[in-house]
Protein backbone atom coordinates (compact mmCIF):
# COMPACT_ATOMS: atom_id res chain seq x y z
CA MET A 1 16.52 -20.89 -4.35
CA THR A 2 18.02 -24.14 -5.62
CA LEU A 3 16.15 -26.70 -7.71
CA LEU A 4 15.90 -28.99 -4.64
CA GLN A 5 14.43 -26.22 -2.49
CA LYS A 6 11.96 -25.24 -5.22
CA PHE A 7 10.83 -28.84 -5.68
CA ILE A 8 10.36 -29.56 -1.98
CA THR A 9 8.55 -26.27 -1.26
CA SER A 10 6.22 -26.72 -4.27
CA VAL A 11 5.27 -30.38 -3.45
CA LEU A 12 4.69 -30.02 0.30
CA PRO A 13 1.85 -27.97 1.92
CA LYS A 14 2.63 -24.26 2.26
CA ALA A 15 2.78 -24.43 6.09
CA TRP A 16 5.38 -27.19 5.95
CA ALA A 17 7.38 -25.35 3.26
CA ALA A 18 7.46 -22.20 5.39
CA ASP A 19 8.52 -24.24 8.44
CA ILE A 20 11.28 -25.96 6.39
CA GLU A 21 12.65 -22.60 5.16
CA ARG A 22 12.45 -21.08 8.68
CA GLU A 23 14.20 -23.94 10.41
CA SER A 24 16.84 -24.32 7.67
CA LYS A 25 17.79 -20.68 8.14
CA HIS A 26 18.59 -21.46 11.83
CA TRP A 27 21.05 -24.22 10.89
CA MET A 28 24.46 -22.65 10.29
CA LEU A 29 27.56 -24.00 8.51
CA CYS A 30 30.36 -22.71 10.75
CA CYS A 31 33.98 -22.49 9.52
CA PRO A 32 36.83 -22.49 12.02
CA CYS A 33 37.75 -19.01 10.71
CA GLY A 34 34.44 -17.71 12.13
CA HIS A 35 32.46 -17.41 8.87
CA LYS A 36 28.85 -18.65 9.13
CA VAL A 37 26.19 -19.24 6.51
CA SER A 38 22.76 -20.81 6.92
CA ILE A 39 21.96 -24.16 5.32
CA TRP A 40 19.13 -22.49 3.43
CA ASP A 41 21.42 -19.77 1.97
CA ALA A 42 23.95 -22.46 1.03
CA GLY A 43 21.25 -24.17 -1.05
CA GLY A 44 20.29 -26.99 1.33
CA ILE A 45 17.52 -28.08 3.56
CA ARG A 46 17.73 -29.23 7.20
CA TRP A 47 14.37 -29.89 8.89
CA LYS A 48 13.45 -31.85 12.02
CA ALA A 49 17.08 -32.73 12.47
CA LYS A 50 19.34 -33.29 15.43
CA GLY A 51 23.08 -33.43 15.97
CA ASN A 52 26.00 -31.41 14.73
CA PRO A 53 27.45 -33.10 11.65
CA LYS A 54 30.51 -31.82 9.75
CA ARG A 55 30.78 -31.00 6.10
CA LEU A 56 34.06 -30.71 4.21
CA MET A 57 33.79 -27.65 1.99
CA LYS A 58 35.64 -24.62 0.77
CA CYS A 59 34.94 -21.49 2.84
CA PRO A 60 33.92 -18.42 0.85
CA SER A 61 35.64 -16.20 3.43
CA CYS A 62 39.11 -17.78 4.07
CA HIS A 63 39.15 -19.81 0.82
CA GLN A 64 40.41 -22.90 2.64
CA ARG A 65 38.92 -26.37 2.36
CA THR A 66 37.95 -27.09 6.00
CA TRP A 67 35.45 -29.02 8.10
CA HIS A 68 32.42 -26.88 8.72
CA VAL A 69 30.31 -27.84 11.74
CA VAL A 70 26.57 -27.62 11.33
CA ARG A 71 25.01 -25.93 14.43
CA PHE A 72 21.52 -24.84 15.30
CA VAL A 73 21.47 -21.11 16.23
CA LYS A 74 18.28 -19.81 17.92
CA ASP A 75 18.94 -16.11 17.40
CA ILE A 76 19.84 -15.38 13.78
CA PRO A 77 20.84 -11.92 12.68
């Protein structure tokens, strides 16, 4: 858990913190190569959000700097 995640989850009520973590795990950073990682596992937070923004980042799988699309996935593995 990153410093930001620790701070947010410690300051907010436990029910909100649990909801933030749950929802952040459903938002996936998707690389064009097919690699996916949740926002939470990447060290971020995405809660009560809409839209599909893009993030320029290096993929841990293909090692290329590409635009990763942020998508909400209902069924996570």
